[in-house]
Amino acid sequence: MANEVTIVTPEQRDLATVEVSTRLVACDGGGGPLGHPMTYYEVGPEGVATCNYCDKKFVLARPGGEAHG
């Protein structure tokens, strides 16, 4: 489980906040010509990580399916 990474999908490209199930996330801004370099972030104890390029917010989902943060 420690090696699992959530990667932004094309369907999530336009979302400002993405609910994730892993603490390690990767963002490329949705890819394509409007994307940015692939960057990796670790969701911290507060349950949130933010992309330094596109400001997309990653929120860690709680086991019950409810977002944390």
Protein backbone atom coordinates (compact mmCIF):
# COMPACT_ATOMS: atom_id res chain seq x y z
CA MET A 1 0.00 0.00 0.00
CA ALA A 2 2.88 2.40 0.71
CA ASN A 3 3.90 2.35 -2.97
CA GLU A 4 0.46 3.20 -4.34
CA VAL A 5 0.07 6.53 -6.12
CA THR A 6 -3.11 8.32 -7.15
CA ILE A 7 -2.70 9.95 -10.57
CA VAL A 8 -5.11 12.62 -11.84
CA THR A 9 -7.27 11.20 -14.62
CA PRO A 10 -8.52 13.19 -17.64
CA GLU A 11 -12.00 13.14 -16.06
CA GLN A 12 -10.62 14.91 -12.97
CA ARG A 13 -8.71 17.54 -14.96
CA ASP A 14 -11.26 20.31 -14.42
CA LEU A 15 -11.95 19.55 -10.75
CA ALA A 16 -10.51 21.97 -8.21
CA THR A 17 -10.55 19.26 -5.53
CA VAL A 18 -9.88 15.55 -6.04
CA GLU A 19 -10.70 12.94 -3.41
CA VAL A 20 -7.88 10.38 -3.19
CA SER A 21 -7.42 7.07 -1.40
CA THR A 22 -3.61 7.12 -1.19
CA ARG A 23 -1.21 9.44 0.62
CA LEU A 24 1.02 9.78 -2.45
CA VAL A 25 -0.52 11.68 -5.38
CA ALA A 26 0.77 12.70 -8.82
CA CYS A 27 -0.47 15.64 -10.86
CA ASP A 28 0.30 16.68 -14.44
CA GLY A 29 -2.47 19.26 -14.68
CA GLY A 30 -4.56 16.90 -16.76
CA GLY A 31 -1.90 16.33 -19.38
CA GLY A 32 -1.87 17.55 -22.94
CA PRO A 33 -0.81 21.03 -24.03
CA LEU A 34 -2.47 22.70 -21.03
CA GLY A 35 -0.83 20.44 -18.47
CA HIS A 36 2.41 20.79 -16.54
CA PRO A 37 5.32 18.50 -15.59
CA MET A 38 4.34 15.44 -13.53
CA THR A 39 4.80 16.35 -9.88
CA TYR A 40 4.34 14.21 -6.78
CA TYR A 41 2.94 15.22 -3.41
CA GLU A 42 2.41 13.48 -0.09
CA VAL A 43 -0.87 14.10 1.68
CA GLY A 44 0.09 15.28 5.14
CA PRO A 45 -1.47 14.61 8.55
CA GLU A 46 -4.12 17.27 7.88
CA GLY A 47 -5.39 15.13 4.96
CA VAL A 48 -4.70 17.66 2.18
CA ALA A 49 -2.04 18.29 -0.50
CA THR A 50 -2.03 21.08 -3.09
CA CYS A 51 -0.32 21.07 -6.50
CA ASN A 52 2.30 23.81 -6.77
CA TYR A 53 1.54 24.31 -10.49
CA CYS A 54 -2.25 24.22 -10.93
CA ASP A 55 -3.42 24.58 -7.29
CA LYS A 56 -5.48 21.38 -7.54
CA LYS A 57 -6.31 20.23 -4.02
CA PHE A 58 -6.05 16.54 -3.09
CA VAL A 59 -8.14 15.46 -0.12
CA LEU A 60 -7.64 12.08 1.52
CA ALA A 61 -10.86 10.08 1.76
CA ARG A 62 -11.70 8.57 5.11
CA PRO A 63 -12.34 4.82 5.21
CA GLY A 64 -16.11 5.45 5.33
CA GLY A 65 -15.93 7.32 2.01
CA GLU A 66 -16.10 10.78 3.59
CA ALA A 67 -13.41 13.28 2.58
CA HIS A 68 -11.04 14.55 5.26
CA GLY A 69 -9.84 18.14 5.30
